[in-house]
Amino acid sequence: MTTSARQDELLLSPRWRPLRRALDWHAEPLMAEHGCTPDEITALQTRLGCPLPGVLREWLELVGHRLQEVQDIPGRPDTIVRDGDNVLVWTENQDVWRLWSPPGEDPICLLEGMEAPPATLSQWLAGLVLSDTLVGAACGTRRGPLGELDTEVAGGVVELDDPVIIAALRDRYPELKEPVPPFWDEPWRGDGETVLRGLGTEFIEWMATTPQAYARVDGLLDLEPEGGLCEVVVHVKDLNPAEAAQCRHPNGTLRDDFIYGPTDPQRTAAELADLGQLSQTRLGRTDTDFHFLTYQPERTCQVFAAALAGAWGQRLTIAWRPERVAYFRVAFPPEREAFALPT
């Protein structure tokens, strides 16, 4: 299915240029089913007992059924509520702040719980989509507020206090006009293919949406330093209840023969001890993973593959990433192209 005539009409407006850009960063193209129908808009307004602000109505006509929670929570057709004359647009994930829209075509929004410079509803929607897209790229889940991110989108977090590099980033990337969510004092920086947040703080979040943009960020932040610290993840999926029970102790911790393999776990553990250290584990109901910090990621992946591939086959994924890049490169099985951390 393609876009509807109404979606095509709305996307021609300069108001929705930021949304067009964000859609390009996501894997799935916009489709008619992603937007609310006129009958659904009418039903929502009847439930609320008031007309929707003009921009919010258009927003829902475009992507009302496509919105997803990443960090903060967008209002969806079934969750939008009214308080007096105001309609809820977006909520911080711990309810620290709420963004409300008063009546009007594109009104100045009301931020409950924190202070922020005044901005219109369309400006806030652009800024919050930008924020949650950046979070999805920088944390490695490969999901933004409009779904799965495009395979060319990369991101990460860099600890940085070098004033020379910070000055170079500010010189290379101009300020963006979209409002930043509360908690952030420094404005967005970037260009049409790059987004940076947090310059002047201890950690910088970055996102690059093309290989060329990645190369430019890498040239300033040295995203993959030779011999730098890396993280290896070992993930096993589709565990049945018996397997899930066998891979962990009664107290819930992972067994050594699950981490290091059933054949010779002591030998594998000794070999890996020279390569790095276990950093964290996650135990799901039908899957589990553990993470290993190392300066030799390729060799570490080889050791884990030799120890575990025979036991788990295609249910096993072994991948690694440089510390400053959130996305994993798959080492096993070799034909698997991508891996994202389970959400």
C-alpha atoms as a PDB file:
ATOM      1  CA  MET A   1       0.000   0.000   0.000  1.00  0.00           C
ATOM      2  CA  THR A   2       1.193   3.522  -0.791  1.00  0.00           C
ATOM      3  CA  THR A   3       0.514   6.833   0.899  1.00  0.00           C
ATOM      4  CA  SER A   4      -2.945   8.355   0.816  1.00  0.00           C
ATOM      5  CA  ALA A   5      -3.783  11.475  -1.162  1.00  0.00           C
ATOM      6  CA  ARG A   6      -4.164  13.331   2.142  1.00  0.00           C
ATOM      7  CA  GLN A   7      -0.700  12.277   3.326  1.00  0.00           C
ATOM      8  CA  ASP A   8       0.812  13.333  -0.006  1.00  0.00           C
ATOM      9  CA  GLU A   9      -0.881  16.716   0.291  1.00  0.00           C
ATOM     10  CA  LEU A  10       0.343  17.290   3.845  1.00  0.00           C
ATOM     11  CA  LEU A  11       3.920  16.240   3.110  1.00  0.00           C
ATOM     12  CA  LEU A  12       4.191  19.022   0.526  1.00  0.00           C
ATOM     13  CA  SER A  13       3.868  21.592   3.307  1.00  0.00           C
ATOM     14  CA  PRO A  14       7.101  23.143   4.674  1.00  0.00           C
ATOM     15  CA  ARG A  15       5.644  22.465   8.113  1.00  0.00           C
ATOM     16  CA  TRP A  16       6.285  18.753   7.677  1.00  0.00           C
ATOM     17  CA  ARG A  17       9.768  18.962   6.151  1.00  0.00           C
ATOM     18  CA  PRO A  18      11.330  17.674   9.424  1.00  0.00           C
ATOM     19  CA  LEU A  19       8.955  14.702   9.368  1.00  0.00           C
ATOM     20  CA  ARG A  20       9.901  13.875   5.766  1.00  0.00           C
ATOM     21  CA  ARG A  21      13.538  13.864   6.829  1.00  0.00           C
ATOM     22  CA  ALA A  22      12.800  11.621   9.820  1.00  0.00           C
ATOM     23  CA  LEU A  23      10.880   9.192   7.619  1.00  0.00           C
ATOM     24  CA  ASP A  24      13.943   8.925   5.372  1.00  0.00           C
ATOM     25  CA  TRP A  25      15.927   7.811   8.429  1.00  0.00           C
ATOM     26  CA  HIS A  26      13.523   4.938   9.091  1.00  0.00           C
ATOM     27  CA  ALA A  27      13.443   1.671   7.165  1.00  0.00           C
ATOM     28  CA  GLU A  28       9.747   1.436   6.325  1.00  0.00           C
ATOM     29  CA  PRO A  29       8.199   3.892   3.872  1.00  0.00           C
ATOM     30  CA  LEU A  30       5.124   5.830   4.908  1.00  0.00           C
ATOM     31  CA  MET A  31       1.870   4.064   4.042  1.00  0.00           C
ATOM     32  CA  ALA A  32      -1.769   5.078   4.127  1.00  0.00           C
ATOM     33  CA  GLU A  33      -2.482   2.730   7.026  1.00  0.00           C
ATOM     34  CA  HIS A  34       0.004   4.625   9.205  1.00  0.00           C
ATOM     35  CA  GLY A  35      -2.266   7.663   9.328  1.00  0.00           C
ATOM     36  CA  CYS A  36      -5.646   8.181  10.981  1.00  0.00           C
ATOM     37  CA  THR A  37      -8.724   8.296   8.772  1.00  0.00           C
ATOM     38  CA  PRO A  38     -11.238  11.169   8.902  1.00  0.00           C
ATOM     39  CA  ASP A  39     -13.637   8.915  10.818  1.00  0.00           C
ATOM     40  CA  GLU A  40     -10.936   8.130  13.384  1.00  0.00           C
ATOM     41  CA  ILE A  41     -10.161  11.823  13.813  1.00  0.00           C
ATOM     42  CA  THR A  42     -13.864  12.543  14.290  1.00  0.00           C
ATOM     43  CA  ALA A  43     -14.163   9.750  16.866  1.00  0.00           C
ATOM     44  CA  LEU A  44     -11.145  11.078  18.775  1.00  0.00           C
ATOM     45  CA  GLN A  45     -12.526  14.610  18.840  1.00  0.00           C
ATOM     46  CA  THR A  46     -15.867  13.252  20.040  1.00  0.00           C
ATOM     47  CA  ARG A  47     -14.148  11.329  22.834  1.00  0.00           C
ATOM     48  CA  LEU A  48     -12.170  14.406  23.883  1.00  0.00           C
ATOM     49  CA  GLY A  49     -15.125  16.721  23.517  1.00  0.00           C
ATOM     50  CA  CYS A  50     -13.135  19.329  21.615  1.00  0.00           C
ATOM     51  CA  PRO A  51     -11.497  19.926  18.222  1.00  0.00           C
ATOM     52  CA  LEU A  52      -7.867  18.919  17.851  1.00  0.00           C
ATOM     53  CA  PRO A  53      -5.264  21.639  17.270  1.00  0.00           C
ATOM     54  CA  GLY A  54      -4.707  21.895  13.518  1.00  0.00           C
ATOM     55  CA  VAL A  55      -1.119  20.640  13.566  1.00  0.00           C
ATOM     56  CA  LEU A  56      -1.982  17.718  15.847  1.00  0.00           C
ATOM     57  CA  ARG A  57      -4.786  16.679  13.525  1.00  0.00           C
ATOM     58  CA  GLU A  58      -2.403  16.700  10.545  1.00  0.00           C
ATOM     59  CA  TRP A  59       0.233  14.848  12.575  1.00  0.00           C
ATOM     60  CA  LEU A  60      -2.217  12.050  13.345  1.00  0.00           C
ATOM     61  CA  GLU A  61      -3.400  11.958   9.727  1.00  0.00           C
ATOM     62  CA  LEU A  62       0.223  11.382   8.735  1.00  0.00           C
ATOM     63  CA  VAL A  63       1.619   8.989  11.365  1.00  0.00           C
ATOM     64  CA  GLY A  64      -0.986   8.482  14.102  1.00  0.00           C
ATOM     65  CA  HIS A  65      -0.846   4.666  13.905  1.00  0.00           C
ATOM     66  CA  ARG A  66       2.909   4.481  13.395  1.00  0.00           C
ATOM     67  CA  LEU A  67       4.103   6.237  16.558  1.00  0.00           C
ATOM     68  CA  GLN A  68       6.202   4.132  18.939  1.00  0.00           C
ATOM     69  CA  GLU A  69       7.695   4.712  22.364  1.00  0.00           C
ATOM     70  CA  VAL A  70      11.499   4.897  22.373  1.00  0.00           C
ATOM     71  CA  GLN A  71      12.523   7.010  25.356  1.00  0.00           C
ATOM     72  CA  ASP A  72       9.613   9.367  25.880  1.00  0.00           C
ATOM     73  CA  ILE A  73       5.980   8.652  25.062  1.00  0.00           C
ATOM     74  CA  PRO A  74       4.132  10.190  22.107  1.00  0.00           C
ATOM     75  CA  GLY A  75       0.396  10.664  22.353  1.00  0.00           C
ATOM     76  CA  ARG A  76      -1.417   8.175  20.124  1.00  0.00           C
ATOM     77  CA  PRO A  77      -5.061   8.172  19.064  1.00  0.00           C
ATOM     78  CA  ASP A  78      -6.019   5.836  21.917  1.00  0.00           C
ATOM     79  CA  THR A  79      -3.910   7.567  24.606  1.00  0.00           C
ATOM     80  CA  ILE A  80      -4.395  11.286  23.964  1.00  0.00           C
ATOM     81  CA  VAL A  81      -6.297  12.948  26.810  1.00  0.00           C
ATOM     82  CA  ARG A  82      -7.675  16.401  27.521  1.00  0.00           C
ATOM     83  CA  ASP A  83      -7.165  18.637  30.551  1.00  0.00           C
ATOM     84  CA  GLY A  84      -9.343  21.707  30.345  1.00  0.00           C
ATOM     85  CA  ASP A  85      -8.658  23.330  26.995  1.00  0.00           C
ATOM     86  CA  ASN A  86      -5.343  21.505  26.512  1.00  0.00           C
ATOM     87  CA  VAL A  87      -4.590  18.205  24.755  1.00  0.00           C
ATOM     88  CA  LEU A  88      -1.687  15.918  25.743  1.00  0.00           C
ATOM     89  CA  VAL A  89       0.960  15.600  23.016  1.00  0.00           C
ATOM     90  CA  TRP A  90       4.029  13.886  24.567  1.00  0.00           C
ATOM     91  CA  THR A  91       5.065  12.615  28.022  1.00  0.00           C
ATOM     92  CA  GLU A  92       8.510  12.102  29.553  1.00  0.00           C
ATOM     93  CA  ASN A  93       9.106   8.430  30.341  1.00  0.00           C
ATOM     94  CA  GLN A  94       9.029   8.969  34.128  1.00  0.00           C
ATOM     95  CA  ASP A  95       6.296  11.606  33.908  1.00  0.00           C
ATOM     96  CA  VAL A  96       8.736  14.374  34.871  1.00  0.00           C
ATOM     97  CA  TRP A  97       7.237  16.607  32.179  1.00  0.00           C
ATOM     98  CA  ARG A  98       4.216  16.637  29.909  1.00  0.00           C
ATOM     99  CA  LEU A  99       3.743  18.599  26.718  1.00  0.00           C
ATOM    100  CA  TRP A 100       0.259  20.037  26.249  1.00  0.00           C
ATOM    101  CA  SER A 101      -1.198  21.854  23.268  1.00  0.00           C
ATOM    102  CA  PRO A 102      -3.836  24.561  23.690  1.00  0.00           C
ATOM    103  CA  PRO A 103      -6.429  25.140  20.956  1.00  0.00           C
ATOM    104  CA  GLY A 104      -5.399  26.730  17.682  1.00  0.00           C
ATOM    105  CA  GLU A 105      -3.743  25.927  14.388  1.00  0.00           C
ATOM    106  CA  ASP A 106      -0.095  25.775  15.554  1.00  0.00           C
ATOM    107  CA  PRO A 107      -0.135  27.132  19.103  1.00  0.00           C
ATOM    108  CA  ILE A 108       2.697  27.737  21.541  1.00  0.00           C
ATOM    109  CA  CYS A 109       2.769  24.581  23.673  1.00  0.00           C
ATOM    110  CA  LEU A 110       2.613  24.347  27.454  1.00  0.00           C
ATOM    111  CA  LEU A 111       5.322  22.307  29.171  1.00  0.00           C
ATOM    112  CA  GLU A 112       4.153  20.993  32.526  1.00  0.00           C
ATOM    113  CA  GLY A 113       6.786  20.048  35.119  1.00  0.00           C
ATOM    114  CA  MET A 114       9.840  21.824  33.683  1.00  0.00           C
ATOM    115  CA  GLU A 115      10.791  25.013  31.898  1.00  0.00           C
ATOM    116  CA  ALA A 116      11.781  25.374  28.259  1.00  0.00           C
ATOM    117  CA  PRO A 117      11.905  28.221  25.730  1.00  0.00           C
ATOM    118  CA  PRO A 118       8.533  28.786  24.023  1.00  0.00           C
ATOM    119  CA  ALA A 119       7.961  26.797  20.839  1.00  0.00           C
ATOM    120  CA  THR A 120       5.013  25.963  18.642  1.00  0.00           C
ATOM    121  CA  LEU A 121       3.394  22.546  18.414  1.00  0.00           C
ATOM    122  CA  SER A 122       4.984  21.810  15.019  1.00  0.00           C
ATOM    123  CA  GLN A 123       8.414  22.797  16.369  1.00  0.00           C
ATOM    124  CA  TRP A 124       8.018  20.562  19.418  1.00  0.00           C
ATOM    125  CA  LEU A 125       6.941  17.593  17.307  1.00  0.00           C
ATOM    126  CA  ALA A 126      10.041  18.031  15.134  1.00  0.00           C
ATOM    127  CA  GLY A 127      12.301  18.248  18.197  1.00  0.00           C
ATOM    128  CA  LEU A 128      10.820  15.245  19.985  1.00  0.00           C
ATOM    129  CA  VAL A 129      10.964  13.051  16.877  1.00  0.00           C
ATOM    130  CA  LEU A 130      14.590  14.107  16.486  1.00  0.00           C
ATOM    131  CA  SER A 131      15.280  13.268  20.136  1.00  0.00           C
ATOM    132  CA  ASP A 132      13.796   9.783  20.092  1.00  0.00           C
ATOM    133  CA  THR A 133      15.400   8.978  16.732  1.00  0.00           C
ATOM    134  CA  LEU A 134      18.776   9.967  18.161  1.00  0.00           C
ATOM    135  CA  VAL A 135      18.172   7.865  21.278  1.00  0.00           C
ATOM    136  CA  GLY A 136      17.309   4.814  19.184  1.00  0.00           C
ATOM    137  CA  ALA A 137      20.471   5.256  17.126  1.00  0.00           C
ATOM    138  CA  ALA A 138      22.754   6.044  20.064  1.00  0.00           C
ATOM    139  CA  CYS A 139      21.628   3.183  22.307  1.00  0.00           C
ATOM    140  CA  GLY A 140      21.795   0.492  19.624  1.00  0.00           C
ATOM    141  CA  THR A 141      18.187  -0.695  19.524  1.00  0.00           C
ATOM    142  CA  ARG A 142      17.857   0.403  15.866  1.00  0.00           C
ATOM    143  CA  ARG A 143      14.357   1.728  16.569  1.00  0.00           C
ATOM    144  CA  GLY A 144      13.085   5.278  16.357  1.00  0.00           C
ATOM    145  CA  PRO A 145       9.656   6.788  17.075  1.00  0.00           C
ATOM    146  CA  LEU A 146       8.477   5.765  13.589  1.00  0.00           C
ATOM    147  CA  GLY A 147       9.787   2.180  13.726  1.00  0.00           C
ATOM    148  CA  GLU A 148      12.969   0.409  12.663  1.00  0.00           C
ATOM    149  CA  LEU A 149      15.802   2.692  11.582  1.00  0.00           C
ATOM    150  CA  ASP A 150      17.390   2.465   8.147  1.00  0.00           C
ATOM    151  CA  THR A 151      20.467   0.255   7.927  1.00  0.00           C
ATOM    152  CA  GLU A 152      22.691   3.235   7.045  1.00  0.00           C
ATOM    153  CA  VAL A 153      21.800   5.083  10.261  1.00  0.00           C
ATOM    154  CA  ALA A 154      24.494   4.777  12.933  1.00  0.00           C
ATOM    155  CA  GLY A 155      24.924   6.359  16.334  1.00  0.00           C
ATOM    156  CA  GLY A 156      26.585   6.176  19.699  1.00  0.00           C
ATOM    157  CA  VAL A 157      27.739   7.976  22.814  1.00  0.00           C
ATOM    158  CA  VAL A 158      31.211   9.442  23.262  1.00  0.00           C
ATOM    159  CA  GLU A 159      32.734  10.582  26.535  1.00  0.00           C
ATOM    160  CA  LEU A 160      34.453  13.839  25.657  1.00  0.00           C
ATOM    161  CA  ASP A 161      35.998  16.712  27.580  1.00  0.00           C
ATOM    162  CA  ASP A 162      38.597  17.889  25.038  1.00  0.00           C
ATOM    163  CA  PRO A 163      37.889  21.599  24.378  1.00  0.00           C
ATOM    164  CA  VAL A 164      39.722  21.490  21.041  1.00  0.00           C
ATOM    165  CA  ILE A 165      37.497  18.700  19.691  1.00  0.00           C
ATOM    166  CA  ILE A 166      34.364  20.324  21.114  1.00  0.00           C
ATOM    167  CA  ALA A 167      35.301  23.587  19.383  1.00  0.00           C
ATOM    168  CA  ALA A 168      35.893  21.713  16.118  1.00  0.00           C
ATOM    169  CA  LEU A 169      32.462  20.072  16.376  1.00  0.00           C
ATOM    170  CA  ARG A 170      30.804  23.426  16.992  1.00  0.00           C
ATOM    171  CA  ASP A 171      32.655  24.879  14.032  1.00  0.00           C
ATOM    172  CA  ARG A 172      31.732  21.979  11.738  1.00  0.00           C
ATOM    173  CA  TYR A 173      28.098  21.535  12.777  1.00  0.00           C
ATOM    174  CA  PRO A 174      25.783  24.559  13.122  1.00  0.00           C
ATOM    175  CA  GLU A 175      22.967  24.848  15.628  1.00  0.00           C
ATOM    176  CA  LEU A 176      19.659  23.294  14.601  1.00  0.00           C
ATOM    177  CA  LYS A 177      16.405  25.156  15.149  1.00  0.00           C
ATOM    178  CA  GLU A 178      14.383  22.312  16.670  1.00  0.00           C
ATOM    179  CA  PRO A 179      13.765  22.658  20.431  1.00  0.00           C
ATOM    180  CA  VAL A 180      15.661  20.254  22.661  1.00  0.00           C
ATOM    181  CA  PRO A 181      13.694  18.380  25.325  1.00  0.00           C
ATOM    182  CA  PRO A 182      14.104  19.479  28.956  1.00  0.00           C
ATOM    183  CA  PHE A 183      17.328  18.417  30.724  1.00  0.00           C
ATOM    184  CA  TRP A 184      19.383  19.693  27.761  1.00  0.00           C
ATOM    185  CA  ASP A 185      20.754  23.247  27.785  1.00  0.00           C
ATOM    186  CA  GLU A 186      22.951  23.078  24.678  1.00  0.00           C
ATOM    187  CA  PRO A 187      21.056  23.297  21.354  1.00  0.00           C
ATOM    188  CA  TRP A 188      21.086  20.554  18.768  1.00  0.00           C
ATOM    189  CA  ARG A 189      23.912  20.630  16.264  1.00  0.00           C
ATOM    190  CA  GLY A 190      24.160  18.926  12.916  1.00  0.00           C
ATOM    191  CA  ASP A 191      23.315  19.097   9.257  1.00  0.00           C
ATOM    192  CA  GLY A 192      20.963  17.253   6.956  1.00  0.00           C
ATOM    193  CA  GLU A 193      22.729  13.940   7.641  1.00  0.00           C
ATOM    194  CA  THR A 194      24.123  14.329  11.176  1.00  0.00           C
ATOM    195  CA  VAL A 195      22.740  15.080  14.647  1.00  0.00           C
ATOM    196  CA  LEU A 196      24.739  15.869  17.790  1.00  0.00           C
ATOM    197  CA  ARG A 197      23.475  16.508  21.307  1.00  0.00           C
ATOM    198  CA  GLY A 198      25.281  17.267  24.549  1.00  0.00           C
ATOM    199  CA  LEU A 199      28.253  19.369  23.442  1.00  0.00           C
ATOM    200  CA  GLY A 200      29.670  20.900  26.592  1.00  0.00           C
ATOM    201  CA  THR A 201      28.540  17.970  28.759  1.00  0.00           C
ATOM    202  CA  GLU A 202      30.482  14.855  29.718  1.00  0.00           C
ATOM    203  CA  PHE A 203      28.866  12.672  27.063  1.00  0.00           C
ATOM    204  CA  ILE A 204      27.973  13.488  23.455  1.00  0.00           C
ATOM    205  CA  GLU A 205      25.239  11.606  21.618  1.00  0.00           C
ATOM    206  CA  TRP A 206      25.751  11.409  17.862  1.00  0.00           C
ATOM    207  CA  MET A 207      23.849  10.068  14.873  1.00  0.00           C
ATOM    208  CA  ALA A 208      24.965   9.829  11.245  1.00  0.00           C
ATOM    209  CA  THR A 209      22.456   8.828   8.576  1.00  0.00           C
ATOM    210  CA  THR A 210      24.776   8.119   5.622  1.00  0.00           C
ATOM    211  CA  PRO A 211      28.243   6.554   5.252  1.00  0.00           C
ATOM    212  CA  GLN A 212      29.599   9.968   4.259  1.00  0.00           C
ATOM    213  CA  ALA A 213      28.193  11.565   7.400  1.00  0.00           C
ATOM    214  CA  TYR A 214      29.666   8.737   9.489  1.00  0.00           C
ATOM    215  CA  ALA A 215      33.089   9.367   7.970  1.00  0.00           C
ATOM    216  CA  ARG A 216      32.880  13.062   8.865  1.00  0.00           C
ATOM    217  CA  VAL A 217      31.927  12.330  12.476  1.00  0.00           C
ATOM    218  CA  ASP A 218      34.627   9.665  12.676  1.00  0.00           C
ATOM    219  CA  GLY A 219      37.195  12.197  11.485  1.00  0.00           C
ATOM    220  CA  LEU A 220      36.447  14.375  14.512  1.00  0.00           C
ATOM    221  CA  LEU A 221      35.533  11.858  17.222  1.00  0.00           C
ATOM    222  CA  ASP A 222      37.777   8.917  16.230  1.00  0.00           C
ATOM    223  CA  LEU A 223      34.907   6.454  16.551  1.00  0.00           C
ATOM    224  CA  GLU A 224      37.006   3.351  15.902  1.00  0.00           C
ATOM    225  CA  PRO A 225      40.471   3.943  17.394  1.00  0.00           C
ATOM    226  CA  GLU A 226      42.989   1.231  16.596  1.00  0.00           C
ATOM    227  CA  GLY A 227      43.336  -1.051  19.597  1.00  0.00           C
ATOM    228  CA  GLY A 228      40.410   0.653  21.333  1.00  0.00           C
ATOM    229  CA  LEU A 229      38.012  -0.930  23.789  1.00  0.00           C
ATOM    230  CA  CYS A 230      35.202  -2.986  22.223  1.00  0.00           C
ATOM    231  CA  GLU A 231      32.143  -4.851  23.443  1.00  0.00           C
ATOM    232  CA  VAL A 232      31.283  -8.383  22.331  1.00  0.00           C
ATOM    233  CA  VAL A 233      27.732  -9.660  22.782  1.00  0.00           C
ATOM    234  CA  VAL A 234      26.726 -13.323  22.725  1.00  0.00           C
ATOM    235  CA  HIS A 235      22.985 -13.854  22.232  1.00  0.00           C
ATOM    236  CA  VAL A 236      20.989 -17.093  22.159  1.00  0.00           C
ATOM    237  CA  LYS A 237      17.337 -16.994  21.089  1.00  0.00           C
ATOM    238  CA  ASP A 238      14.341 -19.336  20.960  1.00  0.00           C
ATOM    239  CA  LEU A 239      15.112 -21.108  24.227  1.00  0.00           C
ATOM    240  CA  ASN A 240      12.460 -23.573  25.337  1.00  0.00           C
ATOM    241  CA  PRO A 241      11.627 -23.700  29.069  1.00  0.00           C
ATOM    242  CA  ALA A 242      13.966 -26.633  29.707  1.00  0.00           C
ATOM    243  CA  GLU A 243      16.877 -24.925  27.942  1.00  0.00           C
ATOM    244  CA  ALA A 244      16.218 -21.654  29.731  1.00  0.00           C
ATOM    245  CA  ALA A 245      16.337 -23.473  33.062  1.00  0.00           C
ATOM    246  CA  GLN A 246      19.493 -25.412  32.171  1.00  0.00           C
ATOM    247  CA  CYS A 247      21.510 -22.320  31.252  1.00  0.00           C
ATOM    248  CA  ARG A 248      21.187 -20.706  34.685  1.00  0.00           C
ATOM    249  CA  HIS A 249      21.691 -21.528  38.335  1.00  0.00           C
ATOM    250  CA  PRO A 250      18.717 -21.580  40.737  1.00  0.00           C
ATOM    251  CA  ASN A 251      19.641 -18.030  41.797  1.00  0.00           C
ATOM    252  CA  GLY A 252      19.274 -16.870  38.183  1.00  0.00           C
ATOM    253  CA  THR A 253      22.946 -16.365  37.270  1.00  0.00           C
ATOM    254  CA  LEU A 254      24.262 -17.929  34.068  1.00  0.00           C
ATOM    255  CA  ARG A 255      26.113 -21.232  34.301  1.00  0.00           C
ATOM    256  CA  ASP A 256      29.757 -21.403  33.230  1.00  0.00           C
ATOM    257  CA  ASP A 257      29.012 -24.157  30.716  1.00  0.00           C
ATOM    258  CA  PHE A 258      26.474 -21.853  29.055  1.00  0.00           C
ATOM    259  CA  ILE A 259      28.901 -18.926  28.844  1.00  0.00           C
ATOM    260  CA  TYR A 260      32.020 -20.907  27.976  1.00  0.00           C
ATOM    261  CA  GLY A 261      30.493 -23.896  26.193  1.00  0.00           C
ATOM    262  CA  PRO A 262      29.671 -27.463  27.234  1.00  0.00           C
ATOM    263  CA  THR A 263      32.824 -29.150  25.898  1.00  0.00           C
ATOM    264  CA  ASP A 264      35.640 -27.582  27.934  1.00  0.00           C
ATOM    265  CA  PRO A 265      34.381 -24.500  29.812  1.00  0.00           C
ATOM    266  CA  GLN A 266      37.469 -24.212  32.002  1.00  0.00           C
ATOM    267  CA  ARG A 267      39.819 -24.052  29.024  1.00  0.00           C
ATOM    268  CA  THR A 268      37.621 -21.527  27.212  1.00  0.00           C
ATOM    269  CA  ALA A 269      37.333 -19.394  30.359  1.00  0.00           C
ATOM    270  CA  ALA A 270      41.106 -19.370  30.748  1.00  0.00           C
ATOM    271  CA  GLU A 271      41.602 -18.335  27.121  1.00  0.00           C
ATOM    272  CA  LEU A 272      39.038 -15.542  27.420  1.00  0.00           C
ATOM    273  CA  ALA A 273      40.560 -14.316  30.685  1.00  0.00           C
ATOM    274  CA  ASP A 274      43.569 -13.212  28.650  1.00  0.00           C
ATOM    275  CA  LEU A 275      41.319 -11.323  26.220  1.00  0.00           C
ATOM    276  CA  GLY A 276      39.034  -9.314  28.504  1.00  0.00           C
ATOM    277  CA  GLN A 277      36.266  -9.634  31.050  1.00  0.00           C
ATOM    278  CA  LEU A 278      32.569 -10.382  31.339  1.00  0.00           C
ATOM    279  CA  SER A 279      30.669  -7.137  31.891  1.00  0.00           C
ATOM    280  CA  GLN A 280      26.952  -7.941  32.104  1.00  0.00           C
ATOM    281  CA  THR A 281      24.310 -10.584  31.508  1.00  0.00           C
ATOM    282  CA  ARG A 282      20.628 -10.457  30.596  1.00  0.00           C
ATOM    283  CA  LEU A 283      18.255 -13.341  31.136  1.00  0.00           C
ATOM    284  CA  GLY A 284      15.014 -13.308  29.190  1.00  0.00           C
ATOM    285  CA  ARG A 285      12.184 -15.811  29.178  1.00  0.00           C
ATOM    286  CA  THR A 286      13.079 -17.283  25.764  1.00  0.00           C
ATOM    287  CA  ASP A 287      16.473 -15.713  25.097  1.00  0.00           C
ATOM    288  CA  THR A 288      19.543 -14.526  26.927  1.00  0.00           C
ATOM    289  CA  ASP A 289      22.740 -12.640  26.222  1.00  0.00           C
ATOM    290  CA  PHE A 290      25.973 -11.676  27.896  1.00  0.00           C
ATOM    291  CA  HIS A 291      28.549  -9.010  27.158  1.00  0.00           C
ATOM    292  CA  PHE A 292      32.336  -9.100  27.193  1.00  0.00           C
ATOM    293  CA  LEU A 293      34.761  -6.148  27.133  1.00  0.00           C
ATOM    294  CA  THR A 294      37.940  -6.637  25.137  1.00  0.00           C
ATOM    295  CA  TYR A 295      40.632  -4.929  23.097  1.00  0.00           C
ATOM    296  CA  GLN A 296      40.715  -7.912  20.728  1.00  0.00           C
ATOM    297  CA  PRO A 297      37.141  -8.300  19.441  1.00  0.00           C
ATOM    298  CA  GLU A 298      37.818 -10.524  16.431  1.00  0.00           C
ATOM    299  CA  ARG A 299      39.790 -13.065  18.445  1.00  0.00           C
ATOM    300  CA  THR A 300      37.225 -12.988  21.263  1.00  0.00           C
ATOM    301  CA  CYS A 301      34.409 -13.688  18.799  1.00  0.00           C
ATOM    302  CA  GLN A 302      36.369 -16.602  17.352  1.00  0.00           C
ATOM    303  CA  VAL A 303      36.820 -18.162  20.801  1.00  0.00           C
ATOM    304  CA  PHE A 304      33.137 -17.842  21.673  1.00  0.00           C
ATOM    305  CA  ALA A 305      32.088 -19.226  18.273  1.00  0.00           C
ATOM    306  CA  ALA A 306      34.344 -22.263  18.653  1.00  0.00           C
ATOM    307  CA  ALA A 307      32.923 -22.945  22.112  1.00  0.00           C
ATOM    308  CA  LEU A 308      29.221 -22.304  21.492  1.00  0.00           C
ATOM    309  CA  ALA A 309      28.330 -22.776  17.809  1.00  0.00           C
ATOM    310  CA  GLY A 310      28.032 -26.542  18.087  1.00  0.00           C
ATOM    311  CA  ALA A 311      25.533 -26.259  20.928  1.00  0.00           C
ATOM    312  CA  TRP A 312      23.279 -23.512  19.569  1.00  0.00           C
ATOM    313  CA  GLY A 313      23.760 -23.336  15.786  1.00  0.00           C
ATOM    314  CA  GLN A 314      21.693 -20.655  14.064  1.00  0.00           C
ATOM    315  CA  ARG A 315      20.088 -19.599  17.335  1.00  0.00           C
ATOM    316  CA  LEU A 316      23.443 -18.122  18.328  1.00  0.00           C
ATOM    317  CA  THR A 317      24.600 -14.633  17.387  1.00  0.00           C
ATOM    318  CA  ILE A 318      28.039 -13.282  18.261  1.00  0.00           C
ATOM    319  CA  ALA A 319      28.669  -9.642  17.440  1.00  0.00           C
ATOM    320  CA  TRP A 320      30.887  -6.780  18.492  1.00  0.00           C
ATOM    321  CA  ARG A 321      31.081  -3.003  18.424  1.00  0.00           C
ATOM    322  CA  PRO A 322      33.638  -0.281  19.155  1.00  0.00           C
ATOM    323  CA  GLU A 323      32.914   1.469  22.455  1.00  0.00           C
ATOM    324  CA  ARG A 324      31.878   4.710  20.741  1.00  0.00           C
ATOM    325  CA  VAL A 325      29.553   3.103  18.165  1.00  0.00           C
ATOM    326  CA  ALA A 326      26.229   1.636  19.269  1.00  0.00           C
ATOM    327  CA  TYR A 327      25.713  -0.796  16.383  1.00  0.00           C
ATOM    328  CA  PHE A 328      27.063  -4.336  16.442  1.00  0.00           C
ATOM    329  CA  ARG A 329      28.895  -6.047  13.572  1.00  0.00           C
ATOM    330  CA  VAL A 330      27.986  -9.729  13.335  1.00  0.00           C
ATOM    331  CA  ALA A 331      30.826 -12.257  13.554  1.00  0.00           C
ATOM    332  CA  PHE A 332      28.676 -15.405  13.784  1.00  0.00           C
ATOM    333  CA  PRO A 333      26.872 -16.685  11.846  1.00  0.00           C
ATOM    334  CA  PRO A 334      28.733 -15.010   8.978  1.00  0.00           C
ATOM    335  CA  GLU A 335      25.646 -14.753   6.768  1.00  0.00           C
ATOM    336  CA  ARG A 336      23.713 -12.723   9.367  1.00  0.00           C
ATOM    337  CA  GLU A 337      23.913  -9.068   8.365  1.00  0.00           C
ATOM    338  CA  ALA A 338      22.758  -7.186  11.457  1.00  0.00           C
ATOM    339  CA  PHE A 339      22.035  -7.541  15.158  1.00  0.00           C
ATOM    340  CA  ALA A 340      20.241  -5.174  17.512  1.00  0.00           C
ATOM    341  CA  LEU A 341      19.949  -5.550  21.250  1.00  0.00           C
ATOM    342  CA  PRO A 342      16.525  -6.888  22.286  1.00  0.00           C
ATOM    343  CA  THR A 343      14.219  -4.213  23.649  1.00  0.00           C
END
